[in-house]
Amino acid sequence: MKLRKVSGCADSDCPAVYVSDRGTAVVQGEHVTRAEGLSLAAGETAVELPPEIILDAVTALIESGG
């Protein structure tokens, strides 16, 4: 899978959102292991992102046409 970063910092060790060549989104953030209301299936994981990272990603995708 090839990824294109659409939001986040220039470094590789901070929260970010990527778009894959399969048309899916991949997010990078702090691993969440326990949170009230979170129910993960086998093989799933959750990450925590600042809201501005998500907003930046949506803005970048709209501006680039996808």
C-alpha atoms as a PDB file:
ATOM      1  CA  MET A   1       0.000   0.000   0.000  1.00  0.00           C
ATOM      2  CA  LYS A   2       1.319   3.453  -0.918  1.00  0.00           C
ATOM      3  CA  LEU A   3       0.455   6.370   1.406  1.00  0.00           C
ATOM      4  CA  ARG A   4       0.287  10.122   0.828  1.00  0.00           C
ATOM      5  CA  LYS A   5       0.348  12.362   3.908  1.00  0.00           C
ATOM      6  CA  VAL A   6      -2.488  14.922   3.863  1.00  0.00           C
ATOM      7  CA  SER A   7      -2.061  16.417   7.337  1.00  0.00           C
ATOM      8  CA  GLY A   8       0.326  16.399  10.267  1.00  0.00           C
ATOM      9  CA  CYS A   9       3.802  17.722  10.920  1.00  0.00           C
ATOM     10  CA  ALA A  10       6.845  17.304   8.697  1.00  0.00           C
ATOM     11  CA  ASP A  11       8.340  14.729  11.091  1.00  0.00           C
ATOM     12  CA  SER A  12       7.292  11.085  10.993  1.00  0.00           C
ATOM     13  CA  ASP A  13       6.695  10.764  14.730  1.00  0.00           C
ATOM     14  CA  CYS A  14       3.584  12.917  15.250  1.00  0.00           C
ATOM     15  CA  PRO A  15      -0.164  12.562  14.620  1.00  0.00           C
ATOM     16  CA  ALA A  16      -1.022  12.513  10.921  1.00  0.00           C
ATOM     17  CA  VAL A  17      -3.599  11.447   8.351  1.00  0.00           C
ATOM     18  CA  TYR A  18      -2.668   9.653   5.132  1.00  0.00           C
ATOM     19  CA  VAL A  19      -4.638   8.618   2.037  1.00  0.00           C
ATOM     20  CA  SER A  20      -3.763   5.265   0.484  1.00  0.00           C
ATOM     21  CA  ASP A  21      -3.625   4.254  -3.158  1.00  0.00           C
ATOM     22  CA  ARG A  22      -6.635   2.055  -2.345  1.00  0.00           C
ATOM     23  CA  GLY A  23      -8.753   5.120  -1.522  1.00  0.00           C
ATOM     24  CA  THR A  24      -8.701   4.547   2.226  1.00  0.00           C
ATOM     25  CA  ALA A  25      -7.521   6.713   5.109  1.00  0.00           C
ATOM     26  CA  VAL A  26      -4.743   5.720   7.504  1.00  0.00           C
ATOM     27  CA  VAL A  27      -4.231   7.646  10.736  1.00  0.00           C
ATOM     28  CA  GLN A  28      -1.181   7.883  12.978  1.00  0.00           C
ATOM     29  CA  GLY A  29      -1.566   8.888  16.612  1.00  0.00           C
ATOM     30  CA  GLU A  30      -1.207   7.886  20.232  1.00  0.00           C
ATOM     31  CA  HIS A  31      -2.459   4.338  20.869  1.00  0.00           C
ATOM     32  CA  VAL A  32      -5.643   4.244  22.980  1.00  0.00           C
ATOM     33  CA  THR A  33      -5.910   1.094  25.062  1.00  0.00           C
ATOM     34  CA  ARG A  34      -8.805   1.880  27.380  1.00  0.00           C
ATOM     35  CA  ALA A  35     -11.553   4.464  27.076  1.00  0.00           C
ATOM     36  CA  GLU A  36     -15.141   4.517  28.256  1.00  0.00           C
ATOM     37  CA  GLY A  37     -17.470   3.733  25.363  1.00  0.00           C
ATOM     38  CA  LEU A  38     -14.734   2.191  23.191  1.00  0.00           C
ATOM     39  CA  SER A  39     -15.326  -1.369  22.057  1.00  0.00           C
ATOM     40  CA  LEU A  40     -12.708  -2.805  19.711  1.00  0.00           C
ATOM     41  CA  ALA A  41     -13.047  -6.002  17.711  1.00  0.00           C
ATOM     42  CA  ALA A  42     -10.184  -8.459  17.363  1.00  0.00           C
ATOM     43  CA  GLY A  43      -7.520  -6.970  15.117  1.00  0.00           C
ATOM     44  CA  GLU A  44      -8.729  -3.376  15.571  1.00  0.00           C
ATOM     45  CA  THR A  45      -6.847  -0.582  17.282  1.00  0.00           C
ATOM     46  CA  ALA A  46      -7.735   2.992  18.166  1.00  0.00           C
ATOM     47  CA  VAL A  47      -5.546   6.074  18.026  1.00  0.00           C
ATOM     48  CA  GLU A  48      -6.064   9.539  19.433  1.00  0.00           C
ATOM     49  CA  LEU A  49      -5.661  12.596  17.190  1.00  0.00           C
ATOM     50  CA  PRO A  50      -6.027  16.310  17.865  1.00  0.00           C
ATOM     51  CA  PRO A  51      -9.165  17.610  16.063  1.00  0.00           C
ATOM     52  CA  GLU A  52      -7.121  20.060  13.979  1.00  0.00           C
ATOM     53  CA  ILE A  53      -5.274  17.142  12.332  1.00  0.00           C
ATOM     54  CA  ILE A  54      -8.598  15.755  11.094  1.00  0.00           C
ATOM     55  CA  LEU A  55      -9.814  19.188   9.965  1.00  0.00           C
ATOM     56  CA  ASP A  56      -6.524  19.829   8.138  1.00  0.00           C
ATOM     57  CA  ALA A  57      -6.858  16.460   6.380  1.00  0.00           C
ATOM     58  CA  VAL A  58     -10.424  17.155   5.254  1.00  0.00           C
ATOM     59  CA  THR A  59      -9.450  20.632   4.024  1.00  0.00           C
ATOM     60  CA  ALA A  60      -6.460  19.239   2.103  1.00  0.00           C
ATOM     61  CA  LEU A  61      -8.594  16.536   0.485  1.00  0.00           C
ATOM     62  CA  ILE A  62     -11.285  19.029  -0.561  1.00  0.00           C
ATOM     63  CA  GLU A  63      -8.713  21.444  -1.987  1.00  0.00           C
ATOM     64  CA  SER A  64      -6.935  18.695  -3.933  1.00  0.00           C
ATOM     65  CA  GLY A  65     -10.138  17.132  -5.217  1.00  0.00           C
ATOM     66  CA  GLY A  66      -9.615  13.908  -3.317  1.00  0.00           C
END
